[in-house]
C-alpha atoms as a PDB file:
ATOM      1  CA  GLN A   1     197.509 -28.168 104.346  1.00  0.00           C
ATOM      2  CA  VAL A   2     194.405 -29.020 102.444  1.00  0.00           C
ATOM      3  CA  GLN A   3     193.905 -27.547  99.017  1.00  0.00           C
ATOM      4  CA  LEU A   4     190.485 -28.083  97.009  1.00  0.00           C
ATOM      5  CA  VAL A   5     191.333 -26.280  93.115  1.00  0.00           C
ATOM      6  CA  GLU A   6     188.081 -25.901  90.997  1.00  0.00           C
ATOM      7  CA  SER A   7     188.584 -25.110  87.161  1.00  0.00           C
ATOM      8  CA  GLY A   8     185.639 -25.032  84.556  1.00  0.00           C
ATOM      9  CA  GLY A   9     183.673 -22.357  85.147  1.00  0.00           C
ATOM     10  CA  GLY A  10     182.598 -19.801  82.193  1.00  0.00           C
ATOM     11  CA  SER A  11     179.990 -18.134  80.155  1.00  0.00           C
ATOM     12  CA  VAL A  12     177.537 -19.981  78.002  1.00  0.00           C
ATOM     13  CA  GLN A  13     173.774 -19.709  76.383  1.00  0.00           C
ATOM     14  CA  ALA A  14     170.818 -21.105  78.309  1.00  0.00           C
ATOM     15  CA  GLY A  15     170.418 -24.586  77.188  1.00  0.00           C
ATOM     16  CA  ALA A  16     174.390 -25.587  76.855  1.00  0.00           C
ATOM     17  CA  SER A  17     176.740 -27.830  79.445  1.00  0.00           C
ATOM     18  CA  LEU A  18     179.224 -27.243  81.351  1.00  0.00           C
ATOM     19  CA  SER A  19     182.401 -29.180  83.270  1.00  0.00           C
ATOM     20  CA  LEU A  20     183.639 -28.397  86.844  1.00  0.00           C
ATOM     21  CA  SER A  21     186.362 -30.389  88.111  1.00  0.00           C
ATOM     22  CA  CYS A  22     187.641 -30.100  91.803  1.00  0.00           C
ATOM     23  CA  VAL A  23     191.508 -31.589  92.674  1.00  0.00           C
ATOM     24  CA  GLY A  24     192.325 -31.976  96.209  1.00  0.00           C
ATOM     25  CA  SER A  25     195.244 -32.323  97.952  1.00  0.00           C
ATOM     26  CA  GLY A  26     196.695 -32.618 101.628  1.00  0.00           C
ATOM     27  CA  TYR A  27     193.813 -34.837 103.135  1.00  0.00           C
ATOM     28  CA  GLY A  28     192.773 -38.220 102.581  1.00  0.00           C
ATOM     29  CA  PHE A  29     190.515 -37.497  99.592  1.00  0.00           C
ATOM     30  CA  GLY A  30     188.972 -40.890  99.357  1.00  0.00           C
ATOM     31  CA  LEU A  31     188.385 -40.876 102.851  1.00  0.00           C
ATOM     32  CA  SER A  32     185.808 -37.855 102.333  1.00  0.00           C
ATOM     33  CA  PRO A  33     182.627 -36.699 101.124  1.00  0.00           C
ATOM     34  CA  MET A  34     182.196 -33.653  98.636  1.00  0.00           C
ATOM     35  CA  GLY A  35     180.165 -31.449  97.903  1.00  0.00           C
ATOM     36  CA  TRP A  36     178.815 -28.797  95.487  1.00  0.00           C
ATOM     37  CA  PHE A  37     177.383 -25.062  96.238  1.00  0.00           C
ATOM     38  CA  ARG A  38     176.324 -22.099  94.736  1.00  0.00           C
ATOM     39  CA  GLN A  39     176.452 -18.641  95.768  1.00  0.00           C
ATOM     40  CA  VAL A  40     174.885 -15.437  94.108  1.00  0.00           C
ATOM     41  CA  PRO A  41     175.870 -11.808  95.211  1.00  0.00           C
ATOM     42  CA  GLY A  42     173.411 -10.967  98.338  1.00  0.00           C
ATOM     43  CA  LYS A  43     172.158 -14.946  98.644  1.00  0.00           C
ATOM     44  CA  ALA A  44     173.186 -17.499 101.063  1.00  0.00           C
ATOM     45  CA  ARG A  45     175.184 -20.248  99.237  1.00  0.00           C
ATOM     46  CA  GLU A  46     173.444 -22.916  97.952  1.00  0.00           C
ATOM     47  CA  PHE A  47     173.190 -27.131  97.919  1.00  0.00           C
ATOM     48  CA  VAL A  48     173.619 -28.328  94.487  1.00  0.00           C
ATOM     49  CA  ALA A  49     175.007 -32.154  95.145  1.00  0.00           C
ATOM     50  CA  ALA A  50     177.108 -34.201  97.356  1.00  0.00           C
ATOM     51  CA  ILE A  51     178.513 -37.402  97.045  1.00  0.00           C
ATOM     52  CA  GLY A  52     179.972 -39.947  99.320  1.00  0.00           C
ATOM     53  CA  ARG A  53     183.436 -41.117 100.126  1.00  0.00           C
ATOM     54  CA  ASN A  54     183.509 -43.749  97.063  1.00  0.00           C
ATOM     55  CA  GLY A  55     180.796 -42.206  94.980  1.00  0.00           C
ATOM     56  CA  ASP A  56     178.001 -44.881  96.164  1.00  0.00           C
ATOM     57  CA  THR A  57     175.848 -42.116  97.474  1.00  0.00           C
ATOM     58  CA  ILE A  58     174.809 -39.069  95.674  1.00  0.00           C
ATOM     59  CA  ARG A  59     172.236 -36.503  96.312  1.00  0.00           C
ATOM     60  CA  TYR A  60     170.730 -33.615  94.308  1.00  0.00           C
ATOM     61  CA  ALA A  61     169.015 -30.282  95.245  1.00  0.00           C
ATOM     62  CA  ASP A  62     165.545 -30.445  93.298  1.00  0.00           C
ATOM     63  CA  SER A  63     166.500 -27.646  90.934  1.00  0.00           C
ATOM     64  CA  VAL A  64     169.204 -29.488  89.568  1.00  0.00           C
ATOM     65  CA  LYS A  65     168.282 -32.912  89.396  1.00  0.00           C
ATOM     66  CA  GLY A  66     168.054 -34.308  86.222  1.00  0.00           C
ATOM     67  CA  ARG A  67     170.061 -31.644  84.806  1.00  0.00           C
ATOM     68  CA  PHE A  68     173.349 -31.726  86.819  1.00  0.00           C
ATOM     69  CA  ILE A  69     175.523 -34.912  87.228  1.00  0.00           C
ATOM     70  CA  VAL A  70     178.040 -35.085  89.927  1.00  0.00           C
ATOM     71  CA  SER A  71     180.880 -37.773  90.626  1.00  0.00           C
ATOM     72  CA  ARG A  72     184.604 -38.427  91.929  1.00  0.00           C
ATOM     73  CA  ASP A  73     187.839 -40.221  90.579  1.00  0.00           C
ATOM     74  CA  ASN A  74     189.501 -41.268  93.795  1.00  0.00           C
ATOM     75  CA  THR A  75     192.655 -42.172  91.863  1.00  0.00           C
ATOM     76  CA  VAL A  76     193.388 -38.792  90.918  1.00  0.00           C
ATOM     77  CA  ASN A  77     191.797 -36.823  93.676  1.00  0.00           C
ATOM     78  CA  THR A  78     189.330 -35.351  91.522  1.00  0.00           C
ATOM     79  CA  GLY A  79     185.460 -34.341  92.179  1.00  0.00           C
ATOM     80  CA  TYR A  80     183.551 -33.009  88.890  1.00  0.00           C
ATOM     81  CA  LEU A  81     179.935 -31.586  88.388  1.00  0.00           C
ATOM     82  CA  VAL A  82     178.668 -31.612  84.831  1.00  0.00           C
ATOM     83  CA  MET A  83     175.702 -29.268  84.387  1.00  0.00           C
ATOM     84  CA  ASN A  84     173.345 -30.162  81.286  1.00  0.00           C
ATOM     85  CA  SER A  85     170.635 -28.021  80.402  1.00  0.00           C
ATOM     86  CA  LEU A  86     171.920 -24.677  81.817  1.00  0.00           C
ATOM     87  CA  LYS A  87     169.196 -22.555  82.901  1.00  0.00           C
ATOM     88  CA  SER A  88     170.078 -18.516  84.027  1.00  0.00           C
ATOM     89  CA  GLU A  89     169.008 -19.428  87.178  1.00  0.00           C
ATOM     90  CA  ASP A  90     172.356 -21.606  88.042  1.00  0.00           C
ATOM     91  CA  THR A  91     174.161 -18.802  87.457  1.00  0.00           C
ATOM     92  CA  GLY A  92     176.455 -18.010  90.451  1.00  0.00           C
ATOM     93  CA  VAL A  93     179.750 -18.894  91.721  1.00  0.00           C
ATOM     94  CA  TYR A  94     180.181 -22.463  92.178  1.00  0.00           C
ATOM     95  CA  TYR A  95     182.527 -24.206  95.179  1.00  0.00           C
ATOM     96  CA  CYS A  96     183.210 -27.789  95.977  1.00  0.00           C
ATOM     97  CA  ALA A  97     183.954 -28.620 100.100  1.00  0.00           C
ATOM     98  CA  THR A  98     185.024 -31.583 101.708  1.00  0.00           C
ATOM     99  CA  GLY A  99     185.987 -31.728 105.290  1.00  0.00           C
ATOM    100  CA  PRO A 100     186.205 -34.999 108.338  1.00  0.00           C
ATOM    101  CA  ILE A 101     182.503 -36.019 107.603  1.00  0.00           C
ATOM    102  CA  ILE A 102     180.824 -38.667 109.016  1.00  0.00           C
ATOM    103  CA  THR A 103     177.614 -38.044 106.976  1.00  0.00           C
ATOM    104  CA  ALA A 104     177.492 -39.622 103.915  1.00  0.00           C
ATOM    105  CA  THR A 105     176.752 -36.706 101.496  1.00  0.00           C
ATOM    106  CA  PRO A 106     175.928 -33.170 103.764  1.00  0.00           C
ATOM    107  CA  VAL A 107     173.979 -30.434 102.458  1.00  0.00           C
ATOM    108  CA  ILE A 108     174.218 -27.607 104.378  1.00  0.00           C
ATOM    109  CA  PRO A 109     177.415 -25.213 104.207  1.00  0.00           C
ATOM    110  CA  GLU A 110     178.143 -25.858 108.276  1.00  0.00           C
ATOM    111  CA  ASP A 111     179.374 -29.278 107.647  1.00  0.00           C
ATOM    112  CA  TYR A 112     181.935 -28.897 105.541  1.00  0.00           C
ATOM    113  CA  LEU A 113     185.437 -27.612 106.887  1.00  0.00           C
ATOM    114  CA  TYR A 114     187.431 -26.823 103.792  1.00  0.00           C
ATOM    115  CA  TRP A 115     186.498 -24.760 100.290  1.00  0.00           C
ATOM    116  CA  GLY A 116     187.734 -24.332  97.367  1.00  0.00           C
ATOM    117  CA  GLN A 117     188.208 -20.724  95.712  1.00  0.00           C
ATOM    118  CA  GLY A 118     184.733 -21.046  93.443  1.00  0.00           C
ATOM    119  CA  THR A 119     184.729 -20.541  89.968  1.00  0.00           C
ATOM    120  CA  GLN A 120     182.038 -18.351  88.361  1.00  0.00           C
ATOM    121  CA  VAL A 121     178.971 -19.920  86.154  1.00  0.00           C
ATOM    122  CA  THR A 122     177.343 -17.229  83.998  1.00  0.00           C
ATOM    123  CA  VAL A 123     174.513 -18.494  81.836  1.00  0.00           C
ATOM    124  CA  SER A 124     172.364 -16.399  79.288  1.00  0.00           C
ATOM    125  CA  SER A 125     169.089 -16.246  78.027  1.00  0.00           C
END
C-alpha cells in the first residue's frame, strides 16, 4: 500500500533551521507531485509548498516564500522541505502528501489522496 513516512521535526529557537524528509513507497513516486502542509490545533490544514513530478514546478505559500525550500530526489523516493529563518508562527504539525493528481502543484488538501503521519515542528521565540 501507499506509505509516506516523514522525519526531521523538532523544537528550535526562532531564526534556526530544520529539514524535513518524506519517503514514499507503494506507488510511482516520480509520477506524482508532492505537497507539504501544516496544521495547528483548531485550524484548518494550511498549504506550505508543493513540487511537481520532476521538480521543475514549485509553489510556495506567501508566508514561507524566501525562507523554505522544497525539493525531491526521485532516485531515492524522497521529498524534502528545508525551513530557514523559522518563526514562532511556523509552529505546527507538518504533513507531506501525494496522490494521482493531474495538477502540477496542487495547493488544497482535498487534491491529495495520501498523507504522511505528520511531524511536529515547534519554534519558540
